[in-house]
Amino acid sequence: MRSVLLVQGRSSCSPRIGGSAAAAIHDTRTAEIRQKEVSAAAGRDHDGVDRRCPTAGNPTKIHRTGRARSRRNLAGPGVPGADPRGGGKPPGGWHTGRMPELPEVEALSGFLAERLTGREVARVYPVSVQVLKTYDPPLTGLEGRTVTGVGRHGKFLDIVADDGTHLVVHLARAGWLRWKDKLPDEPPRPGKGPLALRLRLAEPRGAGFDLTEAGTHKRLAVYCVRDPAEVPGIARLGPDPLDQAFTLDVFAGLLAGERRQIKGVLRDQSVIAGIGNAYSDEVLHAARMSPFKIAASLDEGEVSALYEALRETLRDAVRRSRGLVAGELKAEKKSGLRVHGRTGQPCPVCGDTVREVSYHDSSLQYCPTCQTGGRPLADRRLSRLLK
C-alpha cells in the first residue's frame, strides 16, 4: 500500500517562510492530507485494490510543489494528448494482463496436481523470509509428507499434504511459479534475486518448483496452515464465479444495493472471488457495459447479460489455459484479451479504438462504441486535480 509523504514539522532552526510560499506549502499539505484520508477510508483487499473505485491507485501523484504531474505523461499510448515518448508508462498501461487471476490459477493448480499428487516433499527452502506469513506449523513440517492434492481459492493456490497441512500461495502482482524437472543440487542462498521459495520433491529426484517475484514491490505471500480459512484473504472471499452454486439469483443479490461502480464491484474479492483488473475489463466488454455504471442501477436484463458474460469469459479463459505448462500461461492470457492492455488498438468487435482511464499505478481499458455509446470516459478525479 502506498503512503503519502507528509512533512510533520519544521526544525527550530528552519528559516521563516514568506506569506506566498507558506500559502503554497499549506495548499500542498492540505492536498496530501486529503489524499491520505481517501486511502485510509477506502477498503482495500489483499491485492491492494481500492474497493470503492474501479481500479487501484490514485489518478496522479501530488508533488511537494502542489502541482499535478502532466496529463501528457499520464496518458497511455493511443490516447489523445499522450506523450509519444511514452511519458513513463509502459504500452497498454501499467497492468497488461500479467497478474494471475482465476483462469491462470485454476490452470496452474491442475498443472501442479499432475506433478505433485502422490509425491513426497524432500525439502522446502524459504529463500526470502518476508514472503512467509505464518510460523506454525513450520514449513519444515512439510518435509517427508506426501502431497494429496492441489486446489484453488479465488487467486490462492492450495497444496495439501497427507497430514492435513496446507501450503497456500498468493502470487500477487509480479509473482510466478516455475516448474523444473531438475533443480540445482546446491541449496539456494538468500539474496536480492527474484527467488522467494523452492520446493524439491524426493522423486523424481531434483524435480520441483521455484516461487519467484520480480521487481522491488514484494507482495508474494506464502502461508503454512492447518486450515485454509486461517488465511485472512481466503476467509473473506466471496463466492467462486465458476461454482455451480453461483447462480443468476446469487449474482443479482450481490449487486443489489451496491452503490459502487461495477468495475470495482467485480474486482472486490469479498464480493466475487478471483476476478482482477484484466478479466473485469474483459467481462464488461463482453457485456457491452460501461465500467463506471453503478452496480445497483442495473436492470434485470443488464444483470442477466453481465452474469452470462462473466461466466462465459472465465470459462473460455480456463479452457484456453487448461493443459498448458506453467511457463506458457501468461502468454496465453495476454493473447486472449480483447481490450485489457490494448490501448490504442482496434476493438476486435467493432473496430473502434480501445481507450483507457489511467490511475497512478493501474488503468482500465474499454471500447467506447461497444460499452459507452461512443462517448470516451472522463477521468473525473484527474480532471479535478488539473483545474
Protein backbone atom coordinates (compact mmCIF):
# COMPACT_ATOMS: atom_id res chain seq x y z
CA MET A 1 0.00 0.00 0.00
CA ARG A 2 1.40 3.38 -0.92
CA SER A 3 1.89 6.06 1.66
CA VAL A 4 1.92 9.81 1.21
CA LEU A 5 5.00 11.64 2.45
CA LEU A 6 3.93 14.27 4.95
CA VAL A 7 6.16 16.88 6.50
CA GLN A 8 5.37 16.57 10.21
CA GLY A 9 7.11 19.72 11.39
CA ARG A 10 9.90 22.17 10.87
CA SER A 11 13.23 22.29 12.61
CA SER A 12 13.61 25.07 15.13
CA CYS A 13 16.49 26.41 13.05
CA SER A 14 14.45 26.46 9.81
CA PRO A 15 14.15 29.92 8.21
CA ARG A 16 10.81 31.68 8.36
CA ILE A 17 8.79 31.27 5.18
CA GLY A 18 7.16 34.20 3.45
CA GLY A 19 3.41 34.57 3.00
CA SER A 20 3.04 33.35 -0.60
CA ALA A 21 5.40 30.42 -0.07
CA ALA A 22 3.68 29.48 3.17
CA ALA A 23 0.31 29.51 1.42
CA ALA A 24 1.65 27.25 -1.32
CA ILE A 25 3.00 24.79 1.25
CA HIS A 26 -0.29 24.91 3.15
CA ASP A 27 -2.18 24.04 -0.05
CA THR A 28 0.23 21.21 -0.77
CA ARG A 29 -0.06 19.75 2.70
CA THR A 30 -3.84 20.02 2.57
CA ALA A 31 -3.91 18.09 -0.70
CA GLU A 32 -1.56 15.44 0.70
CA ILE A 33 -3.61 15.01 3.87
CA ARG A 34 -6.84 14.66 1.88
CA GLN A 35 -5.14 12.10 -0.35
CA LYS A 36 -4.06 10.11 2.72
CA GLU A 37 -7.55 10.29 4.21
CA VAL A 38 -9.05 8.93 1.00
CA SER A 39 -6.62 6.00 1.00
CA ALA A 40 -7.30 5.25 4.65
CA ALA A 41 -11.07 5.39 4.19
CA ALA A 42 -11.06 3.13 1.13
CA GLY A 43 -11.42 -0.57 1.87
CA ARG A 44 -8.52 -2.37 0.21
CA ASP A 45 -8.27 -6.06 -0.43
CA HIS A 46 -5.12 -8.19 -0.07
CA ASP A 47 -4.07 -7.18 -3.59
CA GLY A 48 -4.17 -3.51 -2.60
CA VAL A 49 -7.35 -2.97 -4.60
CA ASP A 50 -9.35 0.10 -3.77
CA ARG A 51 -12.79 -1.41 -3.16
CA ARG A 52 -14.59 1.89 -3.63
CA CYS A 53 -13.04 2.74 -7.01
CA PRO A 54 -12.99 0.94 -10.37
CA THR A 55 -9.24 0.34 -10.21
CA ALA A 56 -6.48 0.55 -7.69
CA GLY A 57 -4.38 3.61 -7.13
CA ASN A 58 -4.71 7.33 -7.27
CA PRO A 59 -5.01 9.20 -10.56
CA THR A 60 -1.83 11.18 -10.13
CA LYS A 61 0.92 11.98 -7.66
CA ILE A 62 0.85 15.25 -5.77
CA HIS A 63 4.37 16.59 -5.60
CA ARG A 64 5.66 18.83 -2.86
CA THR A 65 5.19 21.83 -5.10
CA GLY A 66 1.47 21.11 -5.17
CA ARG A 67 1.47 20.63 -8.94
CA ALA A 68 -0.06 17.57 -10.58
CA ARG A 69 2.01 15.54 -12.97
CA SER A 70 1.47 16.42 -16.61
CA ARG A 71 -1.57 14.82 -18.19
CA ARG A 72 0.50 14.15 -21.28
CA ASN A 73 2.79 11.97 -19.20
CA LEU A 74 -0.12 10.11 -17.62
CA ALA A 75 -1.99 9.37 -20.82
CA GLY A 76 -1.38 5.95 -22.29
CA PRO A 77 -0.36 5.27 -25.88
CA GLY A 78 -3.15 5.82 -28.34
CA VAL A 79 -4.90 8.28 -26.01
CA PRO A 80 -5.28 11.86 -27.27
CA GLY A 81 -2.62 14.03 -25.65
CA ALA A 82 -0.30 11.15 -24.89
CA ASP A 83 3.40 11.85 -24.91
CA PRO A 84 4.74 9.96 -27.96
CA ARG A 85 7.89 9.20 -25.98
CA GLY A 86 5.89 7.14 -23.51
CA GLY A 87 5.73 9.57 -20.58
CA GLY A 88 6.82 6.98 -18.02
CA LYS A 89 4.06 4.44 -18.66
CA PRO A 90 4.59 1.13 -20.48
CA PRO A 91 2.47 0.48 -23.60
CA GLY A 92 -1.03 -0.63 -22.75
CA GLY A 93 -0.97 0.82 -19.24
CA TRP A 94 0.66 -0.29 -16.04
CA HIS A 95 -1.32 -3.55 -15.85
CA THR A 96 -1.02 -5.54 -19.05
CA GLY A 97 -2.81 -8.70 -18.03
CA ARG A 98 0.17 -10.34 -16.32
CA MET A 99 -1.18 -10.70 -12.78
CA PRO A 100 -2.50 -14.24 -12.33
CA GLU A 101 -6.27 -14.28 -11.94
CA LEU A 102 -8.82 -17.07 -11.60
CA PRO A 103 -8.26 -18.76 -15.01
CA GLU A 104 -4.46 -18.82 -14.68
CA VAL A 105 -4.50 -20.01 -11.07
CA GLU A 106 -7.08 -22.68 -11.99
CA ALA A 107 -4.82 -23.92 -14.80
CA LEU A 108 -1.77 -23.72 -12.55
CA SER A 109 -3.48 -25.83 -9.88
CA GLY A 110 -4.25 -28.50 -12.49
CA PHE A 111 -0.67 -28.39 -13.75
CA LEU A 112 0.70 -28.88 -10.24
CA ALA A 113 -1.83 -31.58 -9.34
CA GLU A 114 -0.47 -33.77 -12.15
CA ARG A 115 3.12 -33.34 -10.94
CA LEU A 116 2.76 -33.23 -7.15
CA THR A 117 -0.10 -35.53 -6.16
CA GLY A 118 1.21 -38.74 -4.60
CA ARG A 119 4.78 -37.40 -4.43
CA GLU A 120 6.86 -36.85 -1.30
CA VAL A 121 8.26 -33.43 -0.43
CA ALA A 122 12.00 -33.66 0.23
CA ARG A 123 12.89 -30.08 1.14
CA VAL A 124 11.31 -26.65 1.33
CA TYR A 125 13.65 -23.64 1.22
CA PRO A 126 12.19 -20.25 2.28
CA VAL A 127 14.80 -18.18 0.43
CA SER A 128 13.05 -14.88 1.18
CA VAL A 129 11.78 -14.89 4.74
CA GLN A 130 9.47 -11.93 4.12
CA VAL A 131 7.17 -13.97 1.87
CA LEU A 132 6.35 -16.38 4.71
CA LYS A 133 3.33 -15.03 6.63
CA THR A 134 2.94 -17.82 9.20
CA TYR A 135 5.25 -19.75 11.54
CA ASP A 136 3.03 -22.51 12.99
CA PRO A 137 3.05 -25.14 11.61
CA PRO A 138 6.62 -24.67 10.33
CA LEU A 139 7.49 -25.10 6.68
CA THR A 140 9.87 -27.90 7.64
CA GLY A 141 6.81 -29.89 8.74
CA LEU A 142 6.04 -30.44 5.04
CA GLU A 143 9.31 -32.30 4.50
CA GLY A 144 8.69 -36.03 4.32
CA ARG A 145 4.96 -35.54 3.78
CA THR A 146 3.08 -36.70 0.66
CA VAL A 147 1.03 -34.28 -1.43
CA THR A 148 -2.60 -35.43 -1.65
CA GLY A 149 -3.99 -32.69 -3.86
CA VAL A 150 -3.79 -29.15 -5.23
CA GLY A 151 -6.71 -26.73 -5.23
CA ARG A 152 -7.65 -23.09 -5.65
CA HIS A 153 -9.44 -20.47 -3.55
CA GLY A 154 -10.01 -17.38 -5.68
CA LYS A 155 -6.46 -16.37 -6.68
CA PHE A 156 -4.85 -18.53 -3.97
CA LEU A 157 -3.10 -21.85 -4.73
CA ASP A 158 -3.54 -24.58 -2.11
CA ILE A 159 -1.12 -27.54 -1.92
CA VAL A 160 -2.41 -30.16 0.55
CA ALA A 161 -0.22 -32.66 2.43
CA ASP A 162 -1.28 -36.04 3.85
CA ASP A 163 -1.24 -34.74 7.44
CA GLY A 164 -3.76 -32.01 6.61
CA THR A 165 -1.20 -29.20 6.30
CA HIS A 166 -1.86 -26.65 3.55
CA LEU A 167 0.82 -24.70 1.71
CA VAL A 168 -1.12 -21.70 0.42
CA VAL A 169 0.39 -19.28 -2.11
CA HIS A 170 -0.79 -15.92 -3.39
CA LEU A 171 1.28 -14.85 -6.39
CA ALA A 172 0.24 -11.18 -6.18
CA ARG A 173 1.22 -8.79 -8.96
CA ALA A 174 4.65 -9.99 -10.02
CA GLY A 175 4.98 -13.47 -8.56
CA TRP A 176 5.09 -16.71 -10.53
CA LEU A 177 5.69 -20.43 -10.14
CA ARG A 178 8.41 -22.01 -12.26
CA TRP A 179 8.44 -25.79 -12.53
CA LYS A 180 11.78 -27.53 -13.13
CA ASP A 181 12.42 -31.19 -13.81
CA LYS A 182 15.94 -30.72 -12.49
CA LEU A 183 16.56 -28.16 -9.77
CA PRO A 184 20.17 -27.23 -8.88
CA ASP A 185 21.71 -29.60 -6.35
CA GLU A 186 23.03 -26.77 -4.19
CA PRO A 187 20.59 -25.23 -1.68
CA PRO A 188 19.59 -21.69 -2.72
CA ARG A 189 21.19 -18.85 -0.82
CA PRO A 190 19.26 -15.77 0.34
CA GLY A 191 19.97 -12.69 -1.69
CA LYS A 192 18.42 -9.85 -3.66
CA GLY A 193 17.35 -12.01 -6.59
CA PRO A 194 13.77 -12.93 -7.55
CA LEU A 195 13.79 -16.39 -5.92
CA ALA A 196 11.47 -16.46 -2.89
CA LEU A 197 10.87 -20.17 -2.14
CA ARG A 198 11.94 -23.55 -3.51
CA LEU A 199 10.16 -26.88 -3.06
CA ARG A 200 12.03 -30.04 -4.03
CA LEU A 201 10.48 -33.49 -4.42
CA ALA A 202 12.08 -36.73 -3.26
CA GLU A 203 11.10 -38.41 -6.54
CA PRO A 204 11.67 -37.79 -9.38
CA ARG A 205 14.97 -36.71 -7.90
CA GLY A 206 15.61 -33.00 -8.37
CA ALA A 207 12.10 -32.13 -9.61
CA GLY A 208 10.16 -29.32 -8.00
CA PHE A 209 9.32 -25.65 -8.35
CA ASP A 210 10.58 -22.18 -7.55
CA LEU A 211 8.39 -19.28 -6.47
CA THR A 212 9.82 -16.07 -7.89
CA GLU A 213 8.85 -12.42 -7.75
CA ALA A 214 10.18 -9.67 -9.99
CA GLY A 215 10.53 -6.02 -9.09
CA THR A 216 11.04 -4.16 -5.85
CA HIS A 217 7.47 -4.22 -4.51
CA LYS A 218 7.37 -7.64 -2.89
CA ARG A 219 3.81 -8.85 -2.29
CA LEU A 220 4.04 -12.59 -2.94
CA ALA A 221 2.70 -14.40 0.14
CA VAL A 222 3.13 -17.96 1.42
CA TYR A 223 1.15 -19.48 4.30
CA CYS A 224 1.62 -22.84 6.00
CA VAL A 225 -1.66 -23.56 7.82
CA ARG A 226 -3.84 -26.39 9.09
CA ASP A 227 -6.96 -24.89 7.55
CA PRO A 228 -7.14 -22.55 4.51
CA ALA A 229 -9.65 -20.42 6.41
CA GLU A 230 -6.74 -19.34 8.65
CA VAL A 231 -5.50 -17.24 5.73
CA PRO A 232 -7.23 -13.83 6.08
CA GLY A 233 -7.60 -13.33 2.33
CA ILE A 234 -9.32 -16.71 1.93
CA ALA A 235 -11.54 -16.29 4.99
CA ARG A 236 -13.22 -13.25 3.48
CA LEU A 237 -13.53 -14.43 -0.13
CA GLY A 238 -16.88 -14.11 -1.82
CA PRO A 239 -18.41 -16.94 -3.87
CA ASP A 240 -16.45 -18.51 -6.72
CA PRO A 241 -17.99 -17.49 -10.08
CA LEU A 242 -17.29 -20.93 -11.60
CA ASP A 243 -19.05 -22.79 -8.80
CA GLN A 244 -22.39 -24.36 -9.77
CA ALA A 245 -23.94 -22.68 -6.75
CA PHE A 246 -23.10 -19.28 -8.26
CA THR A 247 -26.48 -18.73 -9.92
CA LEU A 248 -28.04 -15.67 -11.53
CA ASP A 249 -30.09 -15.09 -8.38
CA VAL A 250 -26.94 -15.19 -6.23
CA PHE A 251 -25.23 -12.72 -8.56
CA ALA A 252 -28.21 -10.37 -8.57
CA GLY A 253 -28.25 -10.45 -4.77
CA LEU A 254 -24.58 -9.47 -4.65
CA LEU A 255 -25.20 -6.41 -6.82
CA ALA A 256 -28.37 -5.26 -5.07
CA GLY A 257 -27.71 -2.16 -3.01
CA GLU A 258 -24.14 -1.75 -4.32
CA ARG A 259 -23.60 1.97 -4.91
CA ARG A 260 -20.10 1.45 -6.30
CA GLN A 261 -19.08 1.37 -9.93
CA ILE A 262 -19.47 -2.08 -11.45
CA LYS A 263 -15.75 -2.35 -12.30
CA GLY A 264 -14.84 -2.02 -8.62
CA VAL A 265 -17.52 -4.47 -7.52
CA LEU A 266 -16.26 -7.17 -9.90
CA ARG A 267 -12.72 -6.74 -8.56
CA ASP A 268 -13.70 -6.84 -4.91
CA GLN A 269 -12.58 -10.27 -3.66
CA SER A 270 -15.08 -10.19 -0.80
CA VAL A 271 -17.93 -9.94 -3.33
CA ILE A 272 -16.72 -12.34 -6.05
CA ALA A 273 -13.52 -14.39 -5.76
CA GLY A 274 -10.81 -14.49 -8.40
CA ILE A 275 -11.55 -11.61 -10.79
CA GLY A 276 -8.91 -8.91 -11.15
CA ASN A 277 -8.18 -5.89 -13.31
CA ALA A 278 -7.80 -7.76 -16.59
CA TYR A 279 -10.83 -10.03 -16.56
CA SER A 280 -13.13 -7.36 -15.14
CA ASP A 281 -12.29 -5.32 -18.27
CA GLU A 282 -12.94 -8.34 -20.46
CA VAL A 283 -16.24 -9.22 -18.76
CA LEU A 284 -17.57 -5.67 -19.07
CA HIS A 285 -16.57 -5.51 -22.73
CA ALA A 286 -18.35 -8.80 -23.44
CA ALA A 287 -21.44 -7.49 -21.63
CA ARG A 288 -21.22 -4.16 -23.54
CA MET A 289 -21.31 -2.27 -20.24
CA SER A 290 -19.56 0.87 -19.02
CA PRO A 291 -17.10 0.22 -16.16
CA PHE A 292 -18.43 3.37 -14.46
CA LYS A 293 -22.03 2.18 -14.30
CA ILE A 294 -23.35 1.93 -10.73
CA ALA A 295 -23.95 -1.73 -9.84
CA ALA A 296 -27.29 -1.17 -8.09
CA SER A 297 -28.65 0.70 -11.12
CA LEU A 298 -28.53 -2.35 -13.41
CA ASP A 299 -31.92 -3.56 -14.56
CA GLU A 300 -32.87 -7.24 -14.78
CA GLY A 301 -31.71 -7.58 -18.38
CA GLU A 302 -28.36 -5.97 -17.71
CA VAL A 303 -27.74 -8.17 -14.66
CA SER A 304 -28.52 -11.26 -16.74
CA ALA A 305 -26.25 -10.15 -19.59
CA LEU A 306 -23.41 -9.39 -17.19
CA TYR A 307 -23.82 -12.76 -15.46
CA GLU A 308 -23.62 -14.63 -18.76
CA ALA A 309 -20.63 -12.57 -19.90
CA LEU A 310 -18.83 -13.21 -16.62
CA ARG A 311 -19.34 -16.96 -16.68
CA GLU A 312 -18.52 -17.40 -20.36
CA THR A 313 -15.44 -15.13 -20.29
CA LEU A 314 -13.94 -17.02 -17.36
CA ARG A 315 -14.86 -20.46 -18.71
CA ASP A 316 -13.35 -19.64 -22.09
CA ALA A 317 -10.14 -18.42 -20.44
CA VAL A 318 -9.93 -21.62 -18.37
CA ARG A 319 -10.48 -23.75 -21.49
CA ARG A 320 -7.67 -21.94 -23.31
CA SER A 321 -5.30 -22.31 -20.35
CA ARG A 322 -6.03 -25.91 -19.42
CA GLY A 323 -3.21 -28.31 -20.25
CA LEU A 324 -0.59 -25.62 -20.78
CA VAL A 325 2.69 -25.79 -18.89
CA ALA A 326 3.21 -23.10 -16.27
CA GLY A 327 5.62 -21.11 -18.43
CA GLU A 328 3.02 -20.62 -21.19
CA LEU A 329 0.10 -19.38 -19.09
CA LYS A 330 1.00 -15.68 -19.02
CA ALA A 331 1.44 -15.52 -22.78
CA GLU A 332 -1.87 -17.33 -23.31
CA LYS A 333 -3.68 -14.90 -21.05
CA LYS A 334 -2.30 -11.88 -22.88
CA SER A 335 -3.12 -13.32 -26.32
CA GLY A 336 -6.73 -13.96 -25.32
CA LEU A 337 -7.53 -10.46 -24.04
CA ARG A 338 -9.71 -8.26 -26.26
CA VAL A 339 -9.42 -4.85 -24.61
CA HIS A 340 -7.32 -5.07 -21.48
CA GLY A 341 -3.76 -3.90 -22.11
CA ARG A 342 -4.65 -2.98 -25.71
CA THR A 343 -4.97 0.79 -25.52
CA GLY A 344 -4.82 2.39 -28.96
CA GLN A 345 -5.53 -0.85 -30.82
CA PRO A 346 -8.75 -1.58 -32.73
CA CYS A 347 -11.58 -3.30 -30.88
CA PRO A 348 -11.92 -6.83 -32.32
CA VAL A 349 -15.72 -6.48 -32.28
CA CYS A 350 -16.41 -3.07 -33.84
CA GLY A 351 -13.04 -1.67 -34.90
CA ASP A 352 -13.20 1.42 -32.68
CA THR A 353 -10.03 2.42 -30.84
CA VAL A 354 -9.65 0.90 -27.39
CA ARG A 355 -9.37 3.66 -24.78
CA GLU A 356 -8.24 3.73 -21.18
CA VAL A 357 -8.72 5.55 -17.91
CA SER A 358 -5.40 5.94 -16.14
CA TYR A 359 -4.59 5.86 -12.45
CA HIS A 360 -1.30 6.18 -10.62
CA ASP A 361 -0.33 2.51 -10.85
CA SER A 362 -3.11 0.89 -12.87
CA SER A 363 -5.52 1.51 -15.70
CA LEU A 364 -8.73 0.17 -17.17
CA GLN A 365 -9.40 -0.34 -20.86
CA TYR A 366 -12.72 -0.26 -22.73
CA CYS A 367 -14.28 0.25 -26.15
CA PRO A 368 -16.39 3.44 -26.45
CA THR A 369 -18.59 2.05 -29.24
CA CYS A 370 -19.29 -1.27 -27.53
CA GLN A 371 -19.59 -0.01 -23.96
CA THR A 372 -20.33 3.69 -23.63
CA GLY A 373 -22.41 4.67 -26.64
CA GLY A 374 -19.35 6.08 -28.41
CA ARG A 375 -18.52 8.53 -25.61
CA PRO A 376 -14.98 8.44 -24.15
CA LEU A 377 -14.96 8.15 -20.37
CA ALA A 378 -13.52 11.09 -18.45
CA ASP A 379 -11.11 10.55 -15.61
CA ARG A 380 -13.01 12.86 -13.29
CA ARG A 381 -10.55 12.60 -10.40
CA LEU A 382 -7.67 13.61 -12.66
CA SER A 383 -9.73 16.43 -14.17
CA ARG A 384 -10.39 17.89 -10.71
CA LEU A 385 -6.68 17.90 -9.88
CA LEU A 386 -5.77 19.66 -13.13
CA LYS A 387 -8.29 22.50 -12.78
